[in-house]
Amino acid sequence: MANEEDTILTARYLIEDNENEYVFYDENIKSDLTIVKSILKKLIGNLPAWDEAEIRKLHDEITDVLKMSNS
């Protein structure tokens, strides 16, 4: 997430009941995991299924970038 406000709004979107006409704010509210997963799937979309070689390549690229930034 780009900033904390976006993170909080997304979390609220995942948890709060969108069928209510009003907003009942409760930072301790919980939601059914199945519903949260469904909403996340819609927000994120399909993720690629990587094989072992692709994972290794990505890991190596990230490692190289991190090494360069620490130099």
Protein backbone atom coordinates (compact mmCIF):
# COMPACT_ATOMS: atom_id res chain seq x y z
CA MET A 1 0.00 0.00 0.00
CA ALA A 2 1.18 3.48 -0.81
CA ASN A 3 0.39 4.99 2.57
CA GLU A 4 -1.20 4.26 5.91
CA GLU A 5 -4.54 5.84 4.98
CA ASP A 6 -4.90 3.51 1.96
CA THR A 7 -4.06 0.55 4.18
CA ILE A 8 -6.70 1.50 6.74
CA LEU A 9 -9.36 2.12 4.07
CA THR A 10 -8.63 -1.24 2.45
CA ALA A 11 -8.82 -3.01 5.82
CA ARG A 12 -12.14 -1.33 6.54
CA TYR A 13 -13.41 -2.30 3.07
CA LEU A 14 -12.52 -5.93 3.78
CA ILE A 15 -14.19 -6.08 7.18
CA GLU A 16 -17.13 -3.68 7.32
CA ASP A 17 -20.59 -4.76 6.21
CA ASN A 18 -21.35 -2.90 3.00
CA GLU A 19 -25.09 -3.56 3.27
CA ASN A 20 -25.56 -1.16 6.18
CA GLU A 21 -26.70 2.37 5.35
CA TYR A 22 -24.47 3.74 8.10
CA VAL A 23 -20.88 3.21 9.18
CA PHE A 24 -20.35 1.61 12.56
CA TYR A 25 -16.66 2.06 13.34
CA ASP A 26 -15.16 -0.59 15.59
CA GLU A 27 -11.44 -1.23 15.26
CA ASN A 28 -11.90 -4.65 16.86
CA ILE A 29 -14.56 -5.85 14.40
CA LYS A 30 -13.98 -9.20 12.71
CA SER A 31 -15.27 -10.75 9.52
CA ASP A 32 -15.60 -14.23 8.10
CA LEU A 33 -12.31 -15.29 6.49
CA THR A 34 -14.13 -16.59 3.41
CA ILE A 35 -15.61 -13.14 2.77
CA VAL A 36 -12.24 -11.42 3.25
CA LYS A 37 -10.55 -13.85 0.85
CA SER A 38 -13.27 -13.29 -1.74
CA ILE A 39 -12.90 -9.51 -1.57
CA LEU A 40 -9.10 -9.75 -1.74
CA LYS A 41 -9.36 -11.94 -4.85
CA LYS A 42 -11.46 -9.24 -6.51
CA LEU A 43 -9.06 -6.47 -5.44
CA ILE A 44 -5.84 -8.23 -6.41
CA GLY A 45 -6.95 -10.34 -9.34
CA ASN A 46 -5.25 -13.51 -10.48
CA LEU A 47 -1.69 -14.05 -9.34
CA PRO A 48 0.77 -15.89 -11.54
CA ALA A 49 1.65 -19.47 -10.68
CA TRP A 50 5.45 -19.53 -10.63
CA ASP A 51 7.56 -22.61 -11.02
CA GLU A 52 10.74 -23.21 -9.01
CA ALA A 53 13.01 -21.71 -11.70
CA GLU A 54 10.98 -18.48 -11.83
CA ILE A 55 11.03 -18.20 -8.04
CA ARG A 56 14.81 -18.69 -7.97
CA LYS A 57 15.30 -16.07 -10.73
CA LEU A 58 13.13 -13.55 -8.90
CA HIS A 59 14.94 -14.24 -5.63
CA ASP A 60 18.31 -13.70 -7.33
CA GLU A 61 17.15 -10.43 -8.91
CA ILE A 62 15.86 -9.10 -5.60
CA THR A 63 19.08 -10.16 -3.87
CA ASP A 64 21.13 -8.29 -6.49
CA VAL A 65 19.06 -5.13 -6.06
CA LEU A 66 19.39 -5.28 -2.28
CA LYS A 67 23.14 -5.80 -2.50
CA MET A 68 23.49 -2.80 -4.82
CA SER A 69 21.42 -0.58 -2.51
CA ASN A 70 23.57 -1.56 0.49
CA SER A 71 26.82 -0.69 -1.31
